[in-house]
């Protein structure tokens, strides 16, 4: 074989080899590279989602722990603003306060009402006692956790000069939530 034929054959083989390499690259390697880049992008997205989920989990656990740490205060909130009127509990509370302050009720009534979206139990009572005992009674009402507002107090001064007894007519509101309306 002549030298030029060998060179032409070598050039032809190199050209075929380059063409085959380009063909293999275009046919198999480039899609694999593109797929690899796509998978890498998906992996990065999934890692980002996993890190977000781990952050949310940590925040959730910290909120749950904070709720458990505040458990006693949450219970106090439920005592201050219960889900229903709890009339029996209020009767027991007022009875205990009246016994501690030595004030017997001559009248006691309860009426459930609602005003401006707020549910409350209106309590009307009257009793006769000294002004000092009345102040003690008010102080005991204020110490209670239940959310109670005095709406009206009427004091009739006793007619007997020797006696320091006065008649007190008191109206109060004990607030509560009504969960049946919330739903």
N, C-alpha and C. Protein backbone atom coordinates (compact mmCIF):
# COMPACT_ATOMS: atom_id res chain seq x y z
N UNK A 1 0.83 -1.16 0.00
CA UNK A 1 0.00 0.00 0.00
C UNK A 1 0.87 1.23 0.00
N UNK A 2 0.38 2.16 -0.68
CA UNK A 2 1.16 3.37 -0.79
C UNK A 2 0.96 4.22 0.45
N UNK A 3 1.87 5.11 0.57
CA UNK A 3 1.88 6.00 1.72
C UNK A 3 0.63 6.87 1.74
N UNK A 4 0.20 7.39 0.64
CA UNK A 4 -0.97 8.26 0.58
C UNK A 4 -2.23 7.46 0.87
N UNK A 5 -2.27 6.21 0.44
CA UNK A 5 -3.42 5.37 0.71
C UNK A 5 -3.52 5.11 2.21
N UNK A 6 -2.35 4.88 2.81
CA UNK A 6 -2.33 4.64 4.26
C UNK A 6 -2.82 5.89 5.00
N UNK A 7 -2.38 7.05 4.48
CA UNK A 7 -2.81 8.31 5.12
C UNK A 7 -4.31 8.52 4.91
N UNK A 8 -4.77 8.26 3.70
CA UNK A 8 -6.20 8.43 3.40
C UNK A 8 -7.03 7.45 4.26
N UNK A 9 -6.54 6.21 4.37
CA UNK A 9 -7.22 5.21 5.18
C UNK A 9 -7.22 5.64 6.66
N UNK A 10 -6.11 6.17 7.13
CA UNK A 10 -6.03 6.64 8.52
C UNK A 10 -6.97 7.81 8.74
N UNK A 11 -7.02 8.74 7.78
CA UNK A 11 -7.94 9.89 7.88
C UNK A 11 -9.38 9.40 7.88
N UNK A 12 -9.67 8.43 7.03
CA UNK A 12 -11.01 7.88 6.94
C UNK A 12 -11.39 7.20 8.26
N UNK A 13 -10.45 6.42 8.82
CA UNK A 13 -10.72 5.75 10.09
C UNK A 13 -10.90 6.78 11.23
N UNK A 14 -10.07 7.79 11.22
CA UNK A 14 -10.21 8.84 12.24
C UNK A 14 -11.55 9.55 12.07
N UNK A 15 -11.93 9.83 10.84
CA UNK A 15 -13.22 10.50 10.57
C UNK A 15 -14.36 9.61 11.03
N UNK A 16 -14.27 8.32 10.71
CA UNK A 16 -15.33 7.38 11.12
C UNK A 16 -15.38 7.29 12.65
N UNK A 17 -14.19 7.23 13.26
CA UNK A 17 -14.12 7.18 14.72
C UNK A 17 -14.70 8.44 15.36
N UNK A 18 -14.37 9.62 14.81
CA UNK A 18 -14.93 10.88 15.31
C UNK A 18 -16.44 10.92 15.09
N UNK A 19 -16.88 10.48 13.90
CA UNK A 19 -18.32 10.47 13.60
C UNK A 19 -19.04 9.51 14.54
N UNK A 20 -18.44 8.32 14.79
CA UNK A 20 -19.05 7.35 15.70
C UNK A 20 -19.10 7.92 17.12
N UNK A 21 -18.04 8.61 17.53
CA UNK A 21 -18.00 9.23 18.86
C UNK A 21 -19.07 10.30 18.97
N UNK A 22 -19.17 11.14 17.94
CA UNK A 22 -20.21 12.19 17.94
C UNK A 22 -21.60 11.56 17.95
N UNK A 23 -21.79 10.50 17.17
CA UNK A 23 -23.08 9.80 17.12
C UNK A 23 -23.42 9.22 18.49
N UNK A 24 -22.44 8.53 19.11
CA UNK A 24 -22.67 7.97 20.44
C UNK A 24 -22.95 9.08 21.46
N UNK A 25 -22.22 10.18 21.37
CA UNK A 25 -22.44 11.30 22.28
C UNK A 25 -23.85 11.85 22.14
N UNK A 26 -24.24 12.08 20.86
CA UNK A 26 -25.58 12.66 20.62
C UNK A 26 -26.67 11.66 21.00
N UNK A 27 -26.46 10.39 20.68
CA UNK A 27 -27.50 9.40 20.87
C UNK A 27 -27.63 8.94 22.32
N UNK A 28 -26.54 8.74 23.02
CA UNK A 28 -26.60 8.12 24.34
C UNK A 28 -26.07 9.01 25.47
N UNK A 29 -24.97 9.63 25.27
CA UNK A 29 -24.31 10.34 26.36
C UNK A 29 -25.01 11.65 26.69
N UNK A 30 -25.37 12.43 25.66
CA UNK A 30 -26.02 13.72 25.93
C UNK A 30 -27.36 13.54 26.66
N UNK A 31 -28.25 12.61 26.25
CA UNK A 31 -29.47 12.41 27.04
C UNK A 31 -29.18 11.98 28.48
N UNK A 32 -28.14 11.18 28.64
CA UNK A 32 -27.79 10.76 30.00
C UNK A 32 -27.31 11.95 30.83
N UNK A 33 -26.55 12.85 30.21
CA UNK A 33 -26.09 14.05 30.91
C UNK A 33 -27.28 14.95 31.25
N UNK A 34 -28.19 15.13 30.28
CA UNK A 34 -29.38 15.95 30.52
C UNK A 34 -30.24 15.33 31.63
N UNK A 35 -30.42 14.02 31.56
CA UNK A 35 -31.20 13.34 32.60
C UNK A 35 -30.51 13.46 33.95
N UNK A 36 -29.19 13.36 33.96
CA UNK A 36 -28.43 13.50 35.19
C UNK A 36 -28.60 14.89 35.79
N UNK A 37 -28.57 15.92 34.93
CA UNK A 37 -28.79 17.29 35.41
C UNK A 37 -30.20 17.45 35.97
N UNK A 38 -31.20 16.87 35.27
CA UNK A 38 -32.59 16.93 35.75
C UNK A 38 -32.75 16.24 37.09
N UNK A 39 -32.13 15.07 37.21
CA UNK A 39 -32.20 14.35 38.48
C UNK A 39 -31.50 15.11 39.60
N UNK A 40 -30.38 15.73 39.27
CA UNK A 40 -29.67 16.54 40.27
C UNK A 40 -30.54 17.70 40.75
N UNK A 41 -31.25 18.33 39.80
CA UNK A 41 -32.14 19.43 40.16
C UNK A 41 -33.28 18.92 41.04
N UNK A 42 -33.84 17.76 40.70
CA UNK A 42 -34.92 17.19 41.51
C UNK A 42 -34.41 16.82 42.91
N UNK A 43 -33.22 16.28 42.98
CA UNK A 43 -32.63 15.93 44.27
C UNK A 43 -32.44 17.18 45.13
N UNK A 44 -31.98 18.27 44.49
CA UNK A 44 -31.81 19.52 45.22
C UNK A 44 -33.15 20.04 45.73
N UNK A 45 -34.20 19.95 44.89
CA UNK A 45 -35.54 20.38 45.31
C UNK A 45 -36.03 19.54 46.48
N UNK A 46 -35.84 18.22 46.39
CA UNK A 46 -36.29 17.34 47.46
C UNK A 46 -35.52 17.60 48.75
N UNK A 47 -34.23 17.87 48.65
CA UNK A 47 -33.46 18.20 49.85
C UNK A 47 -33.97 19.49 50.47
N UNK A 48 -34.33 20.46 49.63
CA UNK A 48 -34.88 21.73 50.14
C UNK A 48 -36.21 21.48 50.83
N UNK A 49 -37.06 20.63 50.23
CA UNK A 49 -38.35 20.30 50.84
C UNK A 49 -38.13 19.58 52.17
N UNK A 50 -37.17 18.68 52.22
CA UNK A 50 -36.88 17.96 53.46
C UNK A 50 -36.41 18.92 54.54
N UNK A 51 -35.56 19.87 54.17
CA UNK A 51 -35.09 20.84 55.17
C UNK A 51 -36.25 21.71 55.66
N UNK A 52 -37.16 22.10 54.75
CA UNK A 52 -38.34 22.88 55.17
C UNK A 52 -39.22 22.06 56.12
N UNK A 53 -39.42 20.78 55.77
CA UNK A 53 -40.23 19.93 56.64
C UNK A 53 -39.58 19.75 58.01
N UNK A 54 -38.25 19.64 58.03
CA UNK A 54 -37.57 19.53 59.31
C UNK A 54 -37.71 20.81 60.13
N UNK A 55 -37.66 21.97 59.46
CA UNK A 55 -37.88 23.23 60.16
C UNK A 55 -39.30 23.30 60.71
N UNK A 56 -40.30 22.91 59.89
CA UNK A 56 -41.68 22.91 60.35
C UNK A 56 -41.88 21.95 61.51
N UNK A 57 -41.24 20.81 61.44
CA UNK A 57 -41.35 19.83 62.52
C UNK A 57 -40.76 20.41 63.81
N UNK A 58 -39.60 21.06 63.69
CA UNK A 58 -38.97 21.66 64.87
C UNK A 58 -39.86 22.76 65.44
N UNK A 59 -40.43 23.59 64.57
CA UNK A 59 -41.33 24.66 65.04
C UNK A 59 -42.56 24.06 65.70
N UNK A 60 -43.11 23.01 65.08
CA UNK A 60 -44.29 22.36 65.64
C UNK A 60 -43.99 21.79 67.02
N UNK A 61 -42.85 21.11 67.15
CA UNK A 61 -42.48 20.55 68.44
C UNK A 61 -42.26 21.63 69.48
N UNK A 62 -41.67 22.76 69.05
CA UNK A 62 -41.46 23.85 70.02
C UNK A 62 -42.79 24.47 70.44
N UNK A 63 -43.75 24.57 69.50
CA UNK A 63 -45.08 25.09 69.86
C UNK A 63 -45.82 24.14 70.80
N UNK A 64 -45.72 22.85 70.52
CA UNK A 64 -46.36 21.87 71.40
C UNK A 64 -45.74 21.94 72.80
N UNK A 65 -44.42 22.05 72.86
CA UNK A 65 -43.75 22.16 74.15
C UNK A 65 -44.16 23.45 74.88
N UNK A 66 -44.25 24.54 74.11
CA UNK A 66 -44.68 25.81 74.72
C UNK A 66 -46.10 25.69 75.27
N UNK A 67 -46.98 24.98 74.52
CA UNK A 67 -48.35 24.77 74.98
C UNK A 67 -48.35 23.96 76.28
N UNK A 68 -47.53 22.90 76.32
CA UNK A 68 -47.47 22.10 77.54
C UNK A 68 -46.88 22.89 78.69
N UNK A 69 -45.90 23.76 78.40
CA UNK A 69 -45.32 24.59 79.46
C UNK A 69 -46.34 25.59 80.00
N UNK A 70 -47.26 26.02 79.15
CA UNK A 70 -48.29 26.98 79.55
C UNK A 70 -49.58 26.29 79.99
N UNK A 71 -49.53 24.99 80.20
CA UNK A 71 -50.73 24.21 80.51
C UNK A 71 -51.55 24.78 81.64
N UNK A 72 -50.91 25.16 82.73
CA UNK A 72 -51.64 25.70 83.88
C UNK A 72 -52.31 27.03 83.53
N UNK A 73 -51.61 27.85 82.76
CA UNK A 73 -52.19 29.14 82.36
C UNK A 73 -53.34 28.94 81.38
N UNK A 74 -53.24 27.94 80.50
CA UNK A 74 -54.34 27.63 79.57
C UNK A 74 -55.56 27.18 80.37
N UNK A 75 -55.33 26.37 81.40
CA UNK A 75 -56.45 25.95 82.25
C UNK A 75 -57.08 27.16 82.95
N UNK A 76 -56.26 28.11 83.36
CA UNK A 76 -56.79 29.33 83.99
C UNK A 76 -57.66 30.11 83.01
N UNK A 77 -57.27 30.12 81.74
CA UNK A 77 -58.08 30.80 80.72
C UNK A 77 -59.42 30.11 80.58
N UNK A 78 -59.42 28.76 80.58
CA UNK A 78 -60.69 28.04 80.50
C UNK A 78 -61.55 28.29 81.73
N UNK A 79 -60.91 28.48 82.89
CA UNK A 79 -61.67 28.81 84.09
C UNK A 79 -62.24 30.22 84.00
N UNK A 80 -61.48 31.15 83.45
CA UNK A 80 -61.92 32.54 83.35
C UNK A 80 -63.03 32.70 82.32
N UNK A 81 -62.96 31.96 81.22
CA UNK A 81 -63.95 32.07 80.15
C UNK A 81 -64.33 30.67 79.69
N UNK A 82 -65.23 30.01 80.43
CA UNK A 82 -65.57 28.61 80.12
C UNK A 82 -66.40 28.49 78.84
N UNK A 83 -66.61 27.24 78.42
CA UNK A 83 -67.34 26.96 77.19
C UNK A 83 -68.85 27.11 77.34
N UNK A 84 -69.35 27.04 78.55
CA UNK A 84 -70.79 27.24 78.78
C UNK A 84 -70.97 28.06 80.06
N UNK A 85 -72.20 28.34 80.41
CA UNK A 85 -72.47 29.27 81.51
C UNK A 85 -72.02 28.73 82.88
N UNK A 86 -72.03 27.44 83.07
CA UNK A 86 -71.63 26.79 84.33
C UNK A 86 -72.32 27.45 85.53
N UNK A 87 -73.63 27.50 85.46
CA UNK A 87 -74.43 28.14 86.51
C UNK A 87 -74.22 27.47 87.86
N UNK A 88 -74.15 26.14 87.88
CA UNK A 88 -73.98 25.43 89.15
C UNK A 88 -72.66 25.82 89.80
N UNK A 89 -71.61 25.94 89.00
CA UNK A 89 -70.31 26.32 89.54
C UNK A 89 -70.37 27.75 90.10
N UNK A 90 -71.06 28.64 89.41
CA UNK A 90 -71.19 30.02 89.90
C UNK A 90 -71.99 30.06 91.21
N UNK A 91 -73.03 29.26 91.30
CA UNK A 91 -73.80 29.21 92.55
C UNK A 91 -72.90 28.75 93.70
N UNK A 92 -72.11 27.72 93.44
CA UNK A 92 -71.21 27.21 94.47
C UNK A 92 -70.17 28.25 94.86
N UNK A 93 -69.63 28.95 93.87
CA UNK A 93 -68.62 29.99 94.13
C UNK A 93 -69.22 31.13 94.95
N UNK A 94 -70.39 31.62 94.53
CA UNK A 94 -71.04 32.72 95.26
C UNK A 94 -71.43 32.28 96.66
N UNK A 95 -71.86 31.02 96.80
CA UNK A 95 -72.20 30.51 98.13
C UNK A 95 -70.97 30.47 99.03
N UNK A 96 -69.85 30.01 98.49
CA UNK A 96 -68.62 29.95 99.28
C UNK A 96 -68.16 31.35 99.68
N UNK A 97 -68.26 32.29 98.76
CA UNK A 97 -67.88 33.68 99.07
C UNK A 97 -68.81 34.26 100.13
N UNK A 98 -70.09 34.01 99.99
CA UNK A 98 -71.04 34.57 100.97
C UNK A 98 -70.81 33.97 102.37
N UNK A 99 -70.41 32.72 102.43
CA UNK A 99 -70.13 32.11 103.73
C UNK A 99 -68.85 32.68 104.33
N UNK A 100 -67.82 32.91 103.51
CA UNK A 100 -66.57 33.47 104.02
C UNK A 100 -66.76 34.90 104.50
N UNK A 101 -67.61 35.65 103.81
CA UNK A 101 -67.81 37.05 104.18
C UNK A 101 -69.02 37.25 105.09
N UNK A 102 -69.68 36.15 105.45
CA UNK A 102 -70.85 36.17 106.34
C UNK A 102 -71.96 37.06 105.80
N UNK A 103 -72.25 36.89 104.52
CA UNK A 103 -73.34 37.64 103.88
C UNK A 103 -74.36 36.65 103.34
N UNK A 104 -75.52 36.56 103.96
CA UNK A 104 -76.57 35.68 103.43
C UNK A 104 -77.36 36.41 102.33
N UNK A 105 -77.57 35.72 101.21
CA UNK A 105 -78.34 36.32 100.10
C UNK A 105 -79.82 36.27 100.43
N UNK A 106 -80.53 37.35 100.15
CA UNK A 106 -81.98 37.32 100.29
C UNK A 106 -82.63 37.07 98.93
N UNK A 107 -81.86 37.24 97.86
CA UNK A 107 -82.39 37.02 96.52
C UNK A 107 -81.21 36.70 95.61
N UNK A 108 -81.40 35.74 94.68
CA UNK A 108 -80.35 35.38 93.72
C UNK A 108 -81.02 34.84 92.47
N UNK A 109 -80.71 35.45 91.31
CA UNK A 109 -81.29 34.95 90.05
C UNK A 109 -80.23 34.96 88.95
N UNK A 110 -80.42 34.06 87.98
CA UNK A 110 -79.49 33.92 86.85
C UNK A 110 -80.27 33.96 85.55
N UNK A 111 -79.75 34.70 84.57
CA UNK A 111 -80.37 34.78 83.25
C UNK A 111 -79.27 34.77 82.20
N UNK A 112 -79.38 33.83 81.24
CA UNK A 112 -78.41 33.81 80.15
C UNK A 112 -78.81 34.84 79.12
N UNK A 113 -77.83 35.62 78.64
CA UNK A 113 -78.09 36.66 77.65
C UNK A 113 -76.93 36.73 76.67
N UNK A 114 -77.15 37.54 75.64
CA UNK A 114 -76.12 37.75 74.64
C UNK A 114 -76.22 39.19 74.17
N UNK A 115 -75.07 39.86 74.10
CA UNK A 115 -75.06 41.25 73.64
C UNK A 115 -73.79 41.47 72.83
N UNK A 116 -73.94 41.98 71.64
CA UNK A 116 -72.82 42.28 70.75
C UNK A 116 -71.92 41.05 70.56
N UNK A 117 -72.54 39.89 70.39
CA UNK A 117 -71.79 38.66 70.14
C UNK A 117 -71.16 38.04 71.36
N UNK A 118 -71.34 38.62 72.54
CA UNK A 118 -70.74 38.10 73.77
C UNK A 118 -71.82 37.44 74.62
N UNK A 119 -71.60 36.19 74.98
CA UNK A 119 -72.53 35.47 75.84
C UNK A 119 -72.17 35.73 77.30
N UNK A 120 -73.20 35.91 78.10
CA UNK A 120 -72.95 36.12 79.53
C UNK A 120 -74.13 35.62 80.34
N UNK A 121 -73.85 35.39 81.58
CA UNK A 121 -74.87 34.99 82.54
C UNK A 121 -75.08 36.18 83.46
N UNK A 122 -76.28 36.75 83.41
CA UNK A 122 -76.57 37.91 84.25
C UNK A 122 -77.02 37.41 85.63
N UNK A 123 -76.36 37.91 86.65
CA UNK A 123 -76.63 37.49 88.03
C UNK A 123 -77.16 38.69 88.79
N UNK A 124 -78.33 38.51 89.41
CA UNK A 124 -78.91 39.57 90.24
C UNK A 124 -79.03 39.01 91.65
N UNK A 125 -78.60 39.83 92.60
CA UNK A 125 -78.67 39.40 93.99
C UNK A 125 -78.94 40.60 94.88
N UNK A 126 -79.44 40.31 96.04
CA UNK A 126 -79.60 41.37 97.05
C UNK A 126 -79.33 40.75 98.42
N UNK A 127 -78.79 41.58 99.29
CA UNK A 127 -78.46 41.14 100.64
C UNK A 127 -78.32 42.36 101.52
N UNK A 128 -78.34 42.13 102.81
CA UNK A 128 -78.19 43.19 103.80
C UNK A 128 -76.95 42.89 104.63
N UNK A 129 -76.06 43.88 104.68
CA UNK A 129 -74.82 43.71 105.43
C UNK A 129 -74.19 45.07 105.68
N UNK A 130 -73.06 45.06 106.34
CA UNK A 130 -72.33 46.31 106.55
C UNK A 130 -71.54 46.65 105.29
N UNK A 131 -71.13 47.90 105.22
CA UNK A 131 -70.34 48.33 104.07
C UNK A 131 -68.99 47.63 104.04
N UNK A 132 -68.40 47.38 105.19
CA UNK A 132 -67.10 46.68 105.26
C UNK A 132 -67.23 45.24 104.74
N UNK A 133 -68.29 44.56 105.13
CA UNK A 133 -68.51 43.20 104.63
C UNK A 133 -68.73 43.21 103.12
N UNK A 134 -69.45 44.23 102.64
CA UNK A 134 -69.67 44.35 101.20
C UNK A 134 -68.34 44.53 100.46
N UNK A 135 -67.43 45.36 101.00
CA UNK A 135 -66.12 45.55 100.37
C UNK A 135 -65.35 44.23 100.36
N UNK A 136 -65.43 43.49 101.45
CA UNK A 136 -64.76 42.18 101.50
C UNK A 136 -65.35 41.22 100.47
N UNK A 137 -66.68 41.28 100.32
CA UNK A 137 -67.36 40.44 99.34
C UNK A 137 -66.89 40.79 97.92
N UNK A 138 -66.80 42.08 97.64
CA UNK A 138 -66.31 42.52 96.32
C UNK A 138 -64.86 42.06 96.09
N UNK A 139 -64.04 42.14 97.11
CA UNK A 139 -62.64 41.70 96.98
C UNK A 139 -62.58 40.20 96.67
N UNK A 140 -63.45 39.42 97.30
CA UNK A 140 -63.49 37.97 97.02
C UNK A 140 -63.96 37.70 95.59
N UNK A 141 -64.92 38.47 95.12
CA UNK A 141 -65.38 38.32 93.73
C UNK A 141 -64.23 38.61 92.77
N UNK A 142 -63.46 39.65 93.06
CA UNK A 142 -62.33 40.02 92.20
C UNK A 142 -61.23 38.96 92.21
N UNK A 143 -61.07 38.22 93.29
CA UNK A 143 -60.03 37.18 93.36
C UNK A 143 -60.38 35.96 92.53
N UNK A 144 -61.64 35.79 92.25
CA UNK A 144 -62.06 34.63 91.46
C UNK A 144 -61.48 34.71 90.05
N UNK A 145 -61.15 33.54 89.50
CA UNK A 145 -60.61 33.50 88.14
C UNK A 145 -61.68 33.75 87.08
N UNK A 146 -62.91 33.44 87.39
CA UNK A 146 -63.99 33.61 86.42
C UNK A 146 -64.15 35.08 86.08
N UNK A 147 -64.33 35.37 84.80
CA UNK A 147 -64.47 36.73 84.31
C UNK A 147 -65.87 37.24 84.67
N UNK A 148 -65.91 38.12 85.67
CA UNK A 148 -67.19 38.66 86.18
C UNK A 148 -67.07 40.18 86.25
N UNK A 149 -68.09 40.86 85.71
CA UNK A 149 -68.15 42.32 85.78
C UNK A 149 -69.36 42.72 86.62
N UNK A 150 -69.17 43.71 87.47
CA UNK A 150 -70.30 44.32 88.16
C UNK A 150 -70.91 45.34 87.20
N UNK A 151 -72.21 45.22 86.96
CA UNK A 151 -72.85 46.16 86.05
C UNK A 151 -73.68 47.21 86.78
N UNK A 152 -74.15 46.86 87.98
CA UNK A 152 -74.95 47.82 88.73
C UNK A 152 -74.91 47.46 90.21
N UNK A 153 -74.73 48.47 91.03
CA UNK A 153 -74.79 48.31 92.49
C UNK A 153 -75.68 49.42 93.03
N UNK A 154 -76.70 49.02 93.76
CA UNK A 154 -77.61 49.98 94.38
C UNK A 154 -77.53 49.77 95.89
N UNK A 155 -77.24 50.84 96.61
CA UNK A 155 -77.09 50.75 98.07
C UNK A 155 -78.18 51.58 98.72
N UNK A 156 -78.96 50.92 99.57
CA UNK A 156 -79.97 51.63 100.36
C UNK A 156 -79.45 51.70 101.79
N UNK A 157 -79.25 52.89 102.25
CA UNK A 157 -78.72 53.10 103.60
C UNK A 157 -79.80 52.72 104.59
N UNK A 158 -79.39 52.00 105.65
CA UNK A 158 -80.33 51.56 106.68
C UNK A 158 -80.94 52.75 107.42
N UNK A 159 -82.21 52.60 107.81
CA UNK A 159 -82.93 53.69 108.48
C UNK A 159 -82.60 53.75 109.96
N UNK A 160 -82.18 52.64 110.50
CA UNK A 160 -81.87 52.59 111.92
C UNK A 160 -80.47 53.17 112.13
N UNK A 161 -80.37 54.22 112.91
CA UNK A 161 -79.10 54.90 113.14
C UNK A 161 -78.15 54.01 113.92
N UNK A 162 -78.67 53.20 114.84
CA UNK A 162 -77.81 52.35 115.65
C UNK A 162 -77.19 51.21 114.82
N UNK A 163 -77.88 50.78 113.79
CA UNK A 163 -77.40 49.68 112.96
C UNK A 163 -76.66 50.24 111.76
N UNK A 164 -75.58 49.60 111.41
CA UNK A 164 -74.82 50.05 110.23
C UNK A 164 -75.11 49.15 109.03
N UNK A 165 -76.25 48.46 109.06
CA UNK A 165 -76.61 47.56 107.97
C UNK A 165 -77.23 48.35 106.82
N UNK A 166 -76.81 47.97 105.62
CA UNK A 166 -77.33 48.57 104.39
C UNK A 166 -77.84 47.45 103.49
N UNK A 167 -78.79 47.80 102.62
CA UNK A 167 -79.30 46.82 101.66
C UNK A 167 -78.57 47.05 100.35
N UNK A 168 -78.03 45.98 99.78
CA UNK A 168 -77.27 46.05 98.53
C UNK A 168 -77.99 45.24 97.46
N UNK A 169 -78.28 45.89 96.34
CA UNK A 169 -78.80 45.21 95.15
C UNK A 169 -77.68 45.23 94.12
N UNK A 170 -77.24 44.04 93.69
CA UNK A 170 -76.07 43.94 92.82
C UNK A 170 -76.45 43.17 91.55
N UNK A 171 -76.00 43.70 90.42
CA UNK A 171 -76.12 42.98 89.15
C UNK A 171 -74.71 42.76 88.61
N UNK A 172 -74.46 41.51 88.16
CA UNK A 172 -73.15 41.13 87.64
C UNK A 172 -73.33 40.37 86.33
N UNK A 173 -72.25 40.29 85.57
CA UNK A 173 -72.21 39.47 84.36
C UNK A 173 -71.03 38.52 84.45
N UNK A 174 -71.31 37.24 84.27
CA UNK A 174 -70.26 36.22 84.20
C UNK A 174 -70.20 35.76 82.74
N UNK A 175 -69.11 36.03 82.07
CA UNK A 175 -69.00 35.78 80.64
C UNK A 175 -68.61 34.33 80.35
N UNK A 176 -69.04 33.84 79.17
CA UNK A 176 -68.69 32.49 78.73
C UNK A 176 -68.74 32.43 77.21
N UNK A 177 -68.07 31.41 76.67
CA UNK A 177 -68.12 31.15 75.23
C UNK A 177 -69.26 30.19 74.96
N UNK A 178 -69.80 30.26 73.77
CA UNK A 178 -70.82 29.30 73.37
C UNK A 178 -70.31 28.59 72.14
N UNK A 179 -69.73 27.40 72.32
CA UNK A 179 -69.11 26.67 71.21
C UNK A 179 -70.08 26.24 70.14
N UNK A 180 -71.37 26.09 70.46
CA UNK A 180 -72.34 25.69 69.44
C UNK A 180 -72.52 26.80 68.41
N UNK A 181 -72.30 28.05 68.79
CA UNK A 181 -72.41 29.16 67.84
C UNK A 181 -71.16 29.30 67.00
N UNK A 182 -70.02 28.86 67.50
CA UNK A 182 -68.75 29.01 66.79
C UNK A 182 -68.71 28.09 65.58
N UNK A 183 -69.30 26.90 65.69
CA UNK A 183 -69.23 25.89 64.62
C UNK A 183 -70.01 26.26 63.44
